[in-house]
Amino acid sequence: MWNPPPFLTGCSQAAVLPDGPALIRNYDWDYRLFEAVVARTALTGRRVLGMLDCLWGLLDGINDAGLAISLAFGGRPQVGEGFGIPLVIRYVLETCGSTGEAMRTLRRLPVHMSYNVTTVDRAGSRATAYLAPDRPAHVTGQAVATNHQGQVEWAPYAAAIRTVDRQRHLQALLDAGSGVPGVVAACLRPPLYAHQVRRGVRHLVHRRVPSRRGRRLLPLARPRLAALAGAPRGPQR
């Protein structure tokens, strides 16, 4: 998974501490390309649970150390030399046990497009890394990420997917002290909810909750597979 074809998504994610810690995210993607497979592995001895992508990468997940991670497109069109982000997410979960370790690892891995990667660990440490193929990784203390990296750098895309509105909405929820149930409920309503089936976009929700003991792997809110199974097949025009 080196220099894969470019692909764009519209995602929202938040590391929530009340009722958690928990990493809650929306994944808005073409349902015809979504693999809808939850993978549980222990290839390096560390147990990992995550949403499979491209056969051996992960879109998000949690490991038995209680580290949870997810990705969002970074909202920049630049393409360069580097790994596909699903493989990076898998590597972090296989090799890291805390947010600090994850951020140090993300700083040194080249990626082929811009992505925002958010983590939270069982101690409640959370961070977001802004990754890019043409500039060094920038690690922030942000608990919320959508599809821009601090500022909008691709205006038409940002406007089409409402990345600024979604980030502000999520941040307002956290600032108001919303816990896991409140943020999950907000993910099922506009502006966080996307349901543009005719354009191939189907809203998918994942929640990963780090266990304080680091032993349980719990997919507490699964993708809406019933909706996916009933979705129209073939291109929509």
C-alpha atoms as a PDB file:
ATOM      1  CA  MET A   1       0.000   0.000   0.000  1.00  0.00           C
ATOM      2  CA  TRP A   2       2.566   2.515  -1.253  1.00  0.00           C
ATOM      3  CA  ASN A   3       1.399   5.467  -3.399  1.00  0.00           C
ATOM      4  CA  PRO A   4      -2.179   4.157  -3.782  1.00  0.00           C
ATOM      5  CA  PRO A   5      -4.692   6.021  -5.981  1.00  0.00           C
ATOM      6  CA  PRO A   6      -5.943   9.269  -4.411  1.00  0.00           C
ATOM      7  CA  PHE A   7      -9.289   9.051  -2.632  1.00  0.00           C
ATOM      8  CA  LEU A   8     -11.366  11.624  -0.756  1.00  0.00           C
ATOM      9  CA  THR A   9     -13.805  11.162   2.104  1.00  0.00           C
ATOM     10  CA  GLY A  10     -15.819  13.362   4.415  1.00  0.00           C
ATOM     11  CA  CYS A  11     -15.380  12.378   8.062  1.00  0.00           C
ATOM     12  CA  SER A  12     -15.872  13.782  11.553  1.00  0.00           C
ATOM     13  CA  GLN A  13     -14.193  12.482  14.700  1.00  0.00           C
ATOM     14  CA  ALA A  14     -13.963  13.441  18.346  1.00  0.00           C
ATOM     15  CA  ALA A  15     -12.089  12.128  21.362  1.00  0.00           C
ATOM     16  CA  VAL A  16     -14.601  12.392  24.205  1.00  0.00           C
ATOM     17  CA  LEU A  17     -13.705  12.091  27.895  1.00  0.00           C
ATOM     18  CA  PRO A  18     -17.059  12.273  29.775  1.00  0.00           C
ATOM     19  CA  ASP A  19     -18.561   8.756  29.925  1.00  0.00           C
ATOM     20  CA  GLY A  20     -15.351   7.533  28.265  1.00  0.00           C
ATOM     21  CA  PRO A  21     -12.679   7.990  27.203  1.00  0.00           C
ATOM     22  CA  ALA A  22     -14.066   7.263  23.745  1.00  0.00           C
ATOM     23  CA  LEU A  23     -13.202   7.984  20.140  1.00  0.00           C
ATOM     24  CA  ILE A  24     -16.381   8.652  18.169  1.00  0.00           C
ATOM     25  CA  ARG A  25     -16.393   9.113  14.436  1.00  0.00           C
ATOM     26  CA  ASN A  26     -18.467   9.334  11.291  1.00  0.00           C
ATOM     27  CA  TYR A  27     -17.137   7.802   8.121  1.00  0.00           C
ATOM     28  CA  ASP A  28     -18.868   9.169   5.014  1.00  0.00           C
ATOM     29  CA  TRP A  29     -17.904   7.082   2.017  1.00  0.00           C
ATOM     30  CA  ASP A  30     -19.346   5.354  -1.037  1.00  0.00           C
ATOM     31  CA  TYR A  31     -21.241   2.379   0.410  1.00  0.00           C
ATOM     32  CA  ARG A  32     -20.364   0.358  -2.714  1.00  0.00           C
ATOM     33  CA  LEU A  33     -16.680   0.554  -1.767  1.00  0.00           C
ATOM     34  CA  PHE A  34     -17.100   0.022   1.966  1.00  0.00           C
ATOM     35  CA  GLU A  35     -15.915  -3.454   2.980  1.00  0.00           C
ATOM     36  CA  ALA A  36     -18.077  -3.626   6.152  1.00  0.00           C
ATOM     37  CA  VAL A  37     -15.678  -6.101   7.780  1.00  0.00           C
ATOM     38  CA  VAL A  38     -14.496  -5.852  11.382  1.00  0.00           C
ATOM     39  CA  ALA A  39     -11.046  -7.450  11.698  1.00  0.00           C
ATOM     40  CA  ARG A  40      -9.632  -8.878  14.926  1.00  0.00           C
ATOM     41  CA  THR A  41      -5.966  -9.798  14.750  1.00  0.00           C
ATOM     42  CA  ALA A  42      -2.898 -10.417  16.885  1.00  0.00           C
ATOM     43  CA  LEU A  43      -0.187 -10.499  14.239  1.00  0.00           C
ATOM     44  CA  THR A  44       2.490  -9.049  16.524  1.00  0.00           C
ATOM     45  CA  GLY A  45       1.068 -10.435  19.757  1.00  0.00           C
ATOM     46  CA  ARG A  46      -0.911  -7.274  20.446  1.00  0.00           C
ATOM     47  CA  ARG A  47      -4.642  -7.715  19.939  1.00  0.00           C
ATOM     48  CA  VAL A  48      -6.184  -5.254  17.468  1.00  0.00           C
ATOM     49  CA  LEU A  49      -9.800  -4.689  16.477  1.00  0.00           C
ATOM     50  CA  GLY A  50     -10.679  -2.389  13.595  1.00  0.00           C
ATOM     51  CA  MET A  51     -12.684  -1.664  10.484  1.00  0.00           C
ATOM     52  CA  LEU A  52     -10.915  -3.314   7.549  1.00  0.00           C
ATOM     53  CA  ASP A  53     -10.015  -1.402   4.396  1.00  0.00           C
ATOM     54  CA  CYS A  54      -8.075  -2.457   1.278  1.00  0.00           C
ATOM     55  CA  LEU A  55      -7.804  -6.028   2.627  1.00  0.00           C
ATOM     56  CA  TRP A  56      -5.053  -5.353   5.168  1.00  0.00           C
ATOM     57  CA  GLY A  57      -5.384  -1.737   6.282  1.00  0.00           C
ATOM     58  CA  LEU A  58      -7.737  -0.228   8.873  1.00  0.00           C
ATOM     59  CA  LEU A  59      -9.951   2.852   8.856  1.00  0.00           C
ATOM     60  CA  ASP A  60     -10.063   3.012  12.643  1.00  0.00           C
ATOM     61  CA  GLY A  61      -9.654   0.698  15.591  1.00  0.00           C
ATOM     62  CA  ILE A  62      -8.525  -0.044  19.106  1.00  0.00           C
ATOM     63  CA  ASN A  63      -5.854  -2.289  20.585  1.00  0.00           C
ATOM     64  CA  ASP A  64      -5.527  -4.172  23.858  1.00  0.00           C
ATOM     65  CA  ALA A  65      -3.502  -1.342  25.396  1.00  0.00           C
ATOM     66  CA  GLY A  66      -6.612   0.835  25.153  1.00  0.00           C
ATOM     67  CA  LEU A  67      -5.347   3.036  22.291  1.00  0.00           C
ATOM     68  CA  ALA A  68      -8.051   4.094  19.831  1.00  0.00           C
ATOM     69  CA  ILE A  69      -7.370   5.804  16.495  1.00  0.00           C
ATOM     70  CA  SER A  70      -9.283   7.030  13.458  1.00  0.00           C
ATOM     71  CA  LEU A  71      -8.630   8.979  10.281  1.00  0.00           C
ATOM     72  CA  ALA A  72     -10.217  11.818   8.340  1.00  0.00           C
ATOM     73  CA  PHE A  73      -9.167  13.252   4.989  1.00  0.00           C
ATOM     74  CA  GLY A  74      -7.109  16.409   5.504  1.00  0.00           C
ATOM     75  CA  GLY A  75      -8.812  18.526   2.839  1.00  0.00           C
ATOM     76  CA  ARG A  76      -5.802  19.173   0.595  1.00  0.00           C
ATOM     77  CA  PRO A  77      -5.403  17.972  -3.035  1.00  0.00           C
ATOM     78  CA  GLN A  78      -1.620  17.448  -2.945  1.00  0.00           C
ATOM     79  CA  VAL A  79      -0.404  13.917  -3.698  1.00  0.00           C
ATOM     80  CA  GLY A  80       3.102  12.633  -3.005  1.00  0.00           C
ATOM     81  CA  GLU A  81       5.228   9.640  -2.094  1.00  0.00           C
ATOM     82  CA  GLY A  82       4.101   7.652   0.901  1.00  0.00           C
ATOM     83  CA  PHE A  83       1.996   4.947   2.486  1.00  0.00           C
ATOM     84  CA  GLY A  84      -1.740   4.632   2.118  1.00  0.00           C
ATOM     85  CA  ILE A  85      -3.310   5.850   5.348  1.00  0.00           C
ATOM     86  CA  PRO A  86      -5.176   2.566   6.141  1.00  0.00           C
ATOM     87  CA  LEU A  87      -1.830   0.796   6.461  1.00  0.00           C
ATOM     88  CA  VAL A  88      -0.526   3.577   8.713  1.00  0.00           C
ATOM     89  CA  ILE A  89      -3.531   3.202  11.023  1.00  0.00           C
ATOM     90  CA  ARG A  90      -2.934  -0.543  11.190  1.00  0.00           C
ATOM     91  CA  TYR A  91       0.768  -0.067  11.936  1.00  0.00           C
ATOM     92  CA  VAL A  92       0.095   2.364  14.776  1.00  0.00           C
ATOM     93  CA  LEU A  93      -2.331  -0.031  16.442  1.00  0.00           C
ATOM     94  CA  GLU A  94       0.090  -2.935  16.047  1.00  0.00           C
ATOM     95  CA  THR A  95       3.075  -1.084  17.520  1.00  0.00           C
ATOM     96  CA  CYS A  96       1.868   1.672  19.867  1.00  0.00           C
ATOM     97  CA  GLY A  97       0.206   1.626  23.275  1.00  0.00           C
ATOM     98  CA  SER A  98      -0.479   5.301  24.013  1.00  0.00           C
ATOM     99  CA  THR A  99      -1.295   8.598  22.349  1.00  0.00           C
ATOM    100  CA  GLY A 100       2.285   9.781  22.887  1.00  0.00           C
ATOM    101  CA  GLU A 101       3.732   6.731  21.155  1.00  0.00           C
ATOM    102  CA  ALA A 102       1.217   7.067  18.318  1.00  0.00           C
ATOM    103  CA  MET A 103       2.101  10.705  17.672  1.00  0.00           C
ATOM    104  CA  ARG A 104       5.838   9.976  17.645  1.00  0.00           C
ATOM    105  CA  THR A 105       5.240   7.203  15.121  1.00  0.00           C
ATOM    106  CA  LEU A 106       3.009   9.341  12.905  1.00  0.00           C
ATOM    107  CA  ARG A 107       5.669  12.062  12.745  1.00  0.00           C
ATOM    108  CA  ARG A 108       8.122   9.740  10.974  1.00  0.00           C
ATOM    109  CA  LEU A 109       5.846   7.883   8.522  1.00  0.00           C
ATOM    110  CA  PRO A 110       5.442   9.291   4.981  1.00  0.00           C
ATOM    111  CA  VAL A 111       1.869   9.448   3.663  1.00  0.00           C
ATOM    112  CA  HIS A 112       0.713   9.922   0.085  1.00  0.00           C
ATOM    113  CA  MET A 113      -2.094  12.421   0.859  1.00  0.00           C
ATOM    114  CA  SER A 114      -3.169  14.732   3.662  1.00  0.00           C
ATOM    115  CA  TYR A 115      -4.994  13.173   6.613  1.00  0.00           C
ATOM    116  CA  ASN A 116      -6.059  14.079  10.118  1.00  0.00           C
ATOM    117  CA  VAL A 117      -5.453  11.252  12.578  1.00  0.00           C
ATOM    118  CA  THR A 118      -7.011  11.445  16.042  1.00  0.00           C
ATOM    119  CA  THR A 119      -6.122   9.202  18.975  1.00  0.00           C
ATOM    120  CA  VAL A 120      -7.188   8.738  22.579  1.00  0.00           C
ATOM    121  CA  ASP A 121      -5.799   6.258  25.071  1.00  0.00           C
ATOM    122  CA  ARG A 122      -7.163   4.681  28.230  1.00  0.00           C
ATOM    123  CA  ALA A 123      -5.574   7.406  30.370  1.00  0.00           C
ATOM    124  CA  GLY A 124      -7.572  10.036  28.470  1.00  0.00           C
ATOM    125  CA  SER A 125      -4.610  11.504  26.580  1.00  0.00           C
ATOM    126  CA  ARG A 126      -5.813  12.699  23.187  1.00  0.00           C
ATOM    127  CA  ALA A 127      -4.287  14.416  20.163  1.00  0.00           C
ATOM    128  CA  THR A 128      -4.728  14.964  16.431  1.00  0.00           C
ATOM    129  CA  ALA A 129      -1.897  14.785  13.906  1.00  0.00           C
ATOM    130  CA  TYR A 130      -2.141  16.724  10.646  1.00  0.00           C
ATOM    131  CA  LEU A 131      -0.293  14.582   8.113  1.00  0.00           C
ATOM    132  CA  ALA A 132       0.695  15.644   4.601  1.00  0.00           C
ATOM    133  CA  PRO A 133       2.947  14.449   1.749  1.00  0.00           C
ATOM    134  CA  ASP A 134       4.562  17.852   1.207  1.00  0.00           C
ATOM    135  CA  ARG A 135       5.234  19.154   4.711  1.00  0.00           C
ATOM    136  CA  PRO A 136       6.163  17.778   8.134  1.00  0.00           C
ATOM    137  CA  ALA A 137       3.496  16.256  10.350  1.00  0.00           C
ATOM    138  CA  HIS A 138       1.976  18.712  12.804  1.00  0.00           C
ATOM    139  CA  VAL A 139       0.775  17.300  16.138  1.00  0.00           C
ATOM    140  CA  THR A 140      -1.951  19.251  17.941  1.00  0.00           C
ATOM    141  CA  GLY A 141      -3.907  18.888  21.153  1.00  0.00           C
ATOM    142  CA  GLN A 142      -7.149  19.018  19.185  1.00  0.00           C
ATOM    143  CA  ALA A 143      -9.781  16.512  20.298  1.00  0.00           C
ATOM    144  CA  VAL A 144     -11.925  17.148  17.195  1.00  0.00           C
ATOM    145  CA  ALA A 145     -11.091  16.781  13.508  1.00  0.00           C
ATOM    146  CA  THR A 146     -13.027  17.008  10.268  1.00  0.00           C
ATOM    147  CA  ASN A 147     -11.614  17.685   6.792  1.00  0.00           C
ATOM    148  CA  HIS A 148      -9.251  20.630   7.046  1.00  0.00           C
ATOM    149  CA  GLN A 149      -5.979  21.163   8.864  1.00  0.00           C
ATOM    150  CA  GLY A 150      -6.464  24.212  11.052  1.00  0.00           C
ATOM    151  CA  GLN A 151      -7.451  26.368   8.102  1.00  0.00           C
ATOM    152  CA  VAL A 152      -9.229  25.711   4.822  1.00  0.00           C
ATOM    153  CA  GLU A 153      -6.783  25.160   1.931  1.00  0.00           C
ATOM    154  CA  TRP A 154      -9.160  23.743  -0.688  1.00  0.00           C
ATOM    155  CA  ALA A 155     -12.182  26.014  -0.629  1.00  0.00           C
ATOM    156  CA  PRO A 156     -14.522  24.247  -3.110  1.00  0.00           C
ATOM    157  CA  TYR A 157     -14.101  20.917  -1.355  1.00  0.00           C
ATOM    158  CA  ALA A 158     -14.486  22.442   2.100  1.00  0.00           C
ATOM    159  CA  ALA A 159     -17.692  24.188   1.126  1.00  0.00           C
ATOM    160  CA  ALA A 160     -19.170  21.069  -0.501  1.00  0.00           C
ATOM    161  CA  ILE A 161     -18.690  18.884   2.575  1.00  0.00           C
ATOM    162  CA  ARG A 162     -19.219  21.594   5.238  1.00  0.00           C
ATOM    163  CA  THR A 163     -16.025  20.724   7.054  1.00  0.00           C
ATOM    164  CA  VAL A 164     -15.900  23.981   9.042  1.00  0.00           C
ATOM    165  CA  ASP A 165     -19.537  23.709  10.144  1.00  0.00           C
ATOM    166  CA  ARG A 166     -19.027  20.114  11.269  1.00  0.00           C
ATOM    167  CA  GLN A 167     -15.892  20.892  13.243  1.00  0.00           C
ATOM    168  CA  ARG A 168     -17.523  23.841  14.986  1.00  0.00           C
ATOM    169  CA  HIS A 169     -20.542  21.713  15.842  1.00  0.00           C
ATOM    170  CA  LEU A 170     -18.430  18.936  17.330  1.00  0.00           C
ATOM    171  CA  GLN A 171     -16.240  21.371  19.246  1.00  0.00           C
ATOM    172  CA  ALA A 172     -19.317  23.109  20.670  1.00  0.00           C
ATOM    173  CA  LEU A 173     -20.588  19.750  21.909  1.00  0.00           C
ATOM    174  CA  LEU A 174     -17.327  19.047  23.716  1.00  0.00           C
ATOM    175  CA  ASP A 175     -17.122  22.589  25.089  1.00  0.00           C
ATOM    176  CA  ALA A 176     -20.626  22.133  26.528  1.00  0.00           C
ATOM    177  CA  GLY A 177     -19.513  18.966  28.312  1.00  0.00           C
ATOM    178  CA  SER A 178     -21.380  16.468  26.131  1.00  0.00           C
ATOM    179  CA  GLY A 179     -20.544  12.853  26.900  1.00  0.00           C
ATOM    180  CA  VAL A 180     -20.426   9.777  24.729  1.00  0.00           C
ATOM    181  CA  PRO A 181     -24.231   9.300  24.322  1.00  0.00           C
ATOM    182  CA  GLY A 182     -24.743  12.937  23.339  1.00  0.00           C
ATOM    183  CA  VAL A 183     -21.966  12.977  20.752  1.00  0.00           C
ATOM    184  CA  VAL A 184     -23.088   9.648  19.272  1.00  0.00           C
ATOM    185  CA  ALA A 185     -26.635  11.005  18.958  1.00  0.00           C
ATOM    186  CA  ALA A 186     -25.340  14.158  17.265  1.00  0.00           C
ATOM    187  CA  CYS A 187     -23.538  12.007  14.693  1.00  0.00           C
ATOM    188  CA  LEU A 188     -26.940  10.797  13.500  1.00  0.00           C
ATOM    189  CA  ARG A 189     -28.243  14.321  12.839  1.00  0.00           C
ATOM    190  CA  PRO A 190     -27.208  17.172  10.527  1.00  0.00           C
ATOM    191  CA  PRO A 191     -24.726  18.741  10.120  1.00  0.00           C
ATOM    192  CA  LEU A 192     -22.717  15.608  11.014  1.00  0.00           C
ATOM    193  CA  TYR A 193     -25.020  13.141   9.255  1.00  0.00           C
ATOM    194  CA  ALA A 194     -24.639  12.643   5.479  1.00  0.00           C
ATOM    195  CA  HIS A 195     -27.090  10.687   3.357  1.00  0.00           C
ATOM    196  CA  GLN A 196     -26.413  11.528  -0.281  1.00  0.00           C
ATOM    197  CA  VAL A 197     -27.192   8.087  -1.685  1.00  0.00           C
ATOM    198  CA  ARG A 198     -27.617   9.339  -5.230  1.00  0.00           C
ATOM    199  CA  ARG A 199     -24.012  10.493  -5.157  1.00  0.00           C
ATOM    200  CA  GLY A 200     -22.894   7.228  -3.612  1.00  0.00           C
ATOM    201  CA  VAL A 201     -22.324   8.630  -0.122  1.00  0.00           C
ATOM    202  CA  ARG A 202     -23.655   6.676   2.826  1.00  0.00           C
ATOM    203  CA  HIS A 203     -23.134   7.737   6.429  1.00  0.00           C
ATOM    204  CA  LEU A 204     -21.388   5.125   8.573  1.00  0.00           C
ATOM    205  CA  VAL A 205     -20.864   5.447  12.311  1.00  0.00           C
ATOM    206  CA  HIS A 206     -18.127   3.822  14.349  1.00  0.00           C
ATOM    207  CA  ARG A 207     -17.392   4.160  18.033  1.00  0.00           C
ATOM    208  CA  ARG A 208     -14.303   2.766  19.708  1.00  0.00           C
ATOM    209  CA  VAL A 209     -14.103   2.914  23.493  1.00  0.00           C
ATOM    210  CA  PRO A 210     -10.696   2.333  25.110  1.00  0.00           C
ATOM    211  CA  SER A 211     -11.019   0.036  28.110  1.00  0.00           C
ATOM    212  CA  ARG A 212      -9.332   1.405  31.203  1.00  0.00           C
ATOM    213  CA  ARG A 213      -7.869  -2.040  31.807  1.00  0.00           C
ATOM    214  CA  GLY A 214      -6.684  -2.355  28.225  1.00  0.00           C
ATOM    215  CA  ARG A 215      -8.034  -5.883  27.855  1.00  0.00           C
ATOM    216  CA  ARG A 216     -11.479  -5.597  26.340  1.00  0.00           C
ATOM    217  CA  LEU A 217     -12.022  -4.729  22.695  1.00  0.00           C
ATOM    218  CA  LEU A 218     -15.533  -3.393  22.274  1.00  0.00           C
ATOM    219  CA  PRO A 219     -17.132  -2.218  19.017  1.00  0.00           C
ATOM    220  CA  LEU A 220     -20.013  -0.547  20.850  1.00  0.00           C
ATOM    221  CA  ALA A 221     -21.661   1.083  17.856  1.00  0.00           C
ATOM    222  CA  ARG A 222     -21.348  -0.856  14.627  1.00  0.00           C
ATOM    223  CA  PRO A 223     -21.948   0.423  11.091  1.00  0.00           C
ATOM    224  CA  ARG A 224     -25.567   0.334  10.076  1.00  0.00           C
ATOM    225  CA  LEU A 225     -25.204  -2.885   8.129  1.00  0.00           C
ATOM    226  CA  ALA A 226     -28.940  -3.317   7.672  1.00  0.00           C
ATOM    227  CA  ALA A 227     -29.071   0.001   5.877  1.00  0.00           C
ATOM    228  CA  LEU A 228     -26.075  -0.962   3.778  1.00  0.00           C
ATOM    229  CA  ALA A 229     -27.623  -4.274   2.822  1.00  0.00           C
ATOM    230  CA  GLY A 230     -30.742  -2.469   1.611  1.00  0.00           C
ATOM    231  CA  ALA A 231     -28.892   0.245  -0.253  1.00  0.00           C
ATOM    232  CA  PRO A 232     -29.330   0.509  -4.029  1.00  0.00           C
ATOM    233  CA  ARG A 233     -26.823  -1.493  -6.021  1.00  0.00           C
ATOM    234  CA  GLY A 234     -24.911  -0.162  -8.971  1.00  0.00           C
ATOM    235  CA  PRO A 235     -24.136   3.444  -9.921  1.00  0.00           C
ATOM    236  CA  GLN A 236     -26.737   6.071  -9.092  1.00  0.00           C
ATOM    237  CA  ARG A 237     -27.420   8.781 -11.660  1.00  0.00           C
END
